[in-house]
Amino acid sequence: QHLRCPQGCSVDGGLDIPHKCKRFPGYNAEEKSYDADAHRARIFGSHVSSWMDELEEKDQALYQRQFSAYVAAGITSEDIEGMYERVHAAIRANPQRTTVAKEGKPNSFNPERS
């Protein structure tokens, strides 16, 4: 059970891993069918985009708090899919993990931070 998330993420990232689609978004257990478009929409954040639109209409203060980083970066709900496409393209171009040095005071979680 602990392998499902990394396996799903790996498959989403383009690795060819034998798997069953029953656990992925887009699988309908009643009809025993899989909708690849629904899965793709989930991967590219359509649910986040919908939530952004809904929250912006209903509660502007909560929207500002919930999506403050997106608002500061100028990212709107229409930009979400493109953002994920660029991220996936960058990962495929260079899958090596890079670390970014963070500035700030040492804390209990990372005493070596300088």
Protein backbone atom coordinates (compact mmCIF):
# COMPACT_ATOMS: atom_id res chain seq x y z
CA GLN A 1 0.00 0.00 0.00
CA HIS A 2 2.90 2.39 0.64
CA LEU A 3 4.14 1.95 -2.92
CA ARG A 4 0.99 3.23 -4.60
CA CYS A 5 1.76 6.94 -4.31
CA PRO A 6 5.32 6.76 -5.70
CA GLN A 7 4.16 4.34 -8.36
CA GLY A 8 1.30 6.63 -9.37
CA CYS A 9 3.57 9.65 -9.46
CA SER A 10 6.14 7.72 -11.48
CA VAL A 11 3.51 6.66 -14.00
CA ASP A 12 2.20 10.24 -14.14
CA GLY A 13 5.76 11.36 -14.84
CA GLY A 14 6.00 9.10 -17.87
CA LEU A 15 7.71 5.96 -16.56
CA ASP A 16 6.42 2.70 -17.97
CA ILE A 17 5.50 0.68 -14.88
CA PRO A 18 3.04 -2.21 -15.14
CA HIS A 19 -0.02 -1.18 -13.12
CA LYS A 20 -3.79 -1.27 -12.91
CA CYS A 21 -5.77 1.92 -13.42
CA LYS A 22 -8.29 1.14 -10.67
CA ARG A 23 -6.58 3.46 -8.18
CA PHE A 24 -6.16 6.44 -10.49
CA PRO A 25 -8.48 9.42 -10.77
CA GLY A 26 -10.81 8.81 -13.70
CA TYR A 27 -11.54 5.17 -12.90
CA ASN A 28 -15.23 4.43 -12.47
CA ALA A 29 -15.66 1.30 -10.33
CA GLU A 30 -19.35 0.94 -11.14
CA GLU A 31 -18.80 0.95 -14.91
CA LYS A 32 -15.32 -0.61 -14.63
CA SER A 33 -13.98 1.97 -17.04
CA TYR A 34 -11.07 4.37 -17.02
CA ASP A 35 -11.23 7.94 -18.33
CA ALA A 36 -7.72 9.06 -19.24
CA ASP A 37 -8.92 12.65 -19.81
CA ALA A 38 -10.21 12.87 -16.24
CA HIS A 39 -6.85 11.56 -14.99
CA ARG A 40 -4.96 14.07 -17.13
CA ALA A 41 -7.16 16.90 -15.86
CA ARG A 42 -6.31 15.93 -12.30
CA ILE A 43 -2.58 15.74 -13.04
CA PHE A 44 -2.62 19.20 -14.59
CA GLY A 45 -4.55 20.78 -11.72
CA SER A 46 -8.03 21.37 -13.09
CA HIS A 47 -9.41 20.70 -9.59
CA VAL A 48 -7.09 23.41 -8.19
CA SER A 49 -8.17 25.81 -10.92
CA SER A 50 -11.85 25.14 -10.18
CA TRP A 51 -11.27 25.64 -6.46
CA MET A 52 -9.49 28.92 -7.14
CA ASP A 53 -12.42 30.19 -9.24
CA GLU A 54 -15.00 29.07 -6.68
CA LEU A 55 -13.15 30.56 -3.74
CA GLU A 56 -12.45 33.84 -5.52
CA GLU A 57 -16.18 34.29 -6.16
CA LYS A 58 -17.39 33.22 -2.71
CA ASP A 59 -14.77 34.50 -0.24
CA GLN A 60 -12.11 36.91 -1.47
CA ALA A 61 -10.29 37.03 1.90
CA LEU A 62 -10.00 33.25 2.08
CA TYR A 63 -8.91 33.16 -1.56
CA GLN A 64 -6.15 35.68 -0.82
CA ARG A 65 -4.99 33.65 2.18
CA GLN A 66 -5.27 30.20 0.57
CA PHE A 67 -3.57 31.17 -2.69
CA SER A 68 -1.29 33.95 -1.44
CA ALA A 69 1.81 32.53 -3.12
CA TYR A 70 -0.02 32.23 -6.45
CA VAL A 71 -1.43 35.75 -6.11
CA ALA A 72 2.04 37.13 -5.31
CA ALA A 73 3.47 35.34 -8.36
CA GLY A 74 0.62 36.59 -10.57
CA ILE A 75 -0.74 33.09 -11.20
CA THR A 76 -4.47 32.91 -11.93
CA SER A 77 -6.73 29.89 -12.31
CA GLU A 78 -6.25 30.07 -16.09
CA ASP A 79 -2.47 29.70 -15.61
CA ILE A 80 -2.53 26.48 -13.57
CA GLU A 81 -2.50 23.97 -16.44
CA GLY A 82 0.30 25.81 -18.24
CA MET A 83 2.28 25.98 -15.01
CA TYR A 84 2.05 22.20 -14.57
CA GLU A 85 2.96 21.64 -18.24
CA ARG A 86 6.11 23.76 -17.81
CA VAL A 87 7.03 21.94 -14.59
CA HIS A 88 6.59 18.51 -16.20
CA ALA A 89 8.64 19.61 -19.22
CA ALA A 90 11.42 20.88 -16.95
CA ILE A 91 11.47 17.62 -14.99
CA ARG A 92 11.65 15.59 -18.19
CA ALA A 93 14.44 17.82 -19.53
CA ASN A 94 16.49 17.42 -16.34
CA PRO A 95 15.19 14.83 -13.86
CA GLN A 96 18.11 15.37 -11.45
CA ARG A 97 16.99 16.90 -8.18
CA THR A 98 18.55 20.23 -7.39
CA THR A 99 18.64 21.83 -3.98
CA VAL A 100 18.25 25.50 -3.38
CA ALA A 101 20.13 27.08 -0.50
CA LYS A 102 17.72 28.77 1.87
CA GLU A 103 18.71 31.75 3.90
CA GLY A 104 17.56 32.37 7.41
CA LYS A 105 18.20 31.60 11.02
CA PRO A 106 18.89 28.04 12.13
CA ASN A 107 15.84 26.34 13.53
CA SER A 108 15.02 23.11 15.31
CA PHE A 109 14.25 21.37 12.02
CA ASN A 110 17.43 22.44 10.26
CA PRO A 111 20.13 23.60 12.69
CA GLU A 112 22.69 23.87 9.88
CA ARG A 113 20.75 26.49 7.95
CA SER A 114 22.82 29.62 7.65
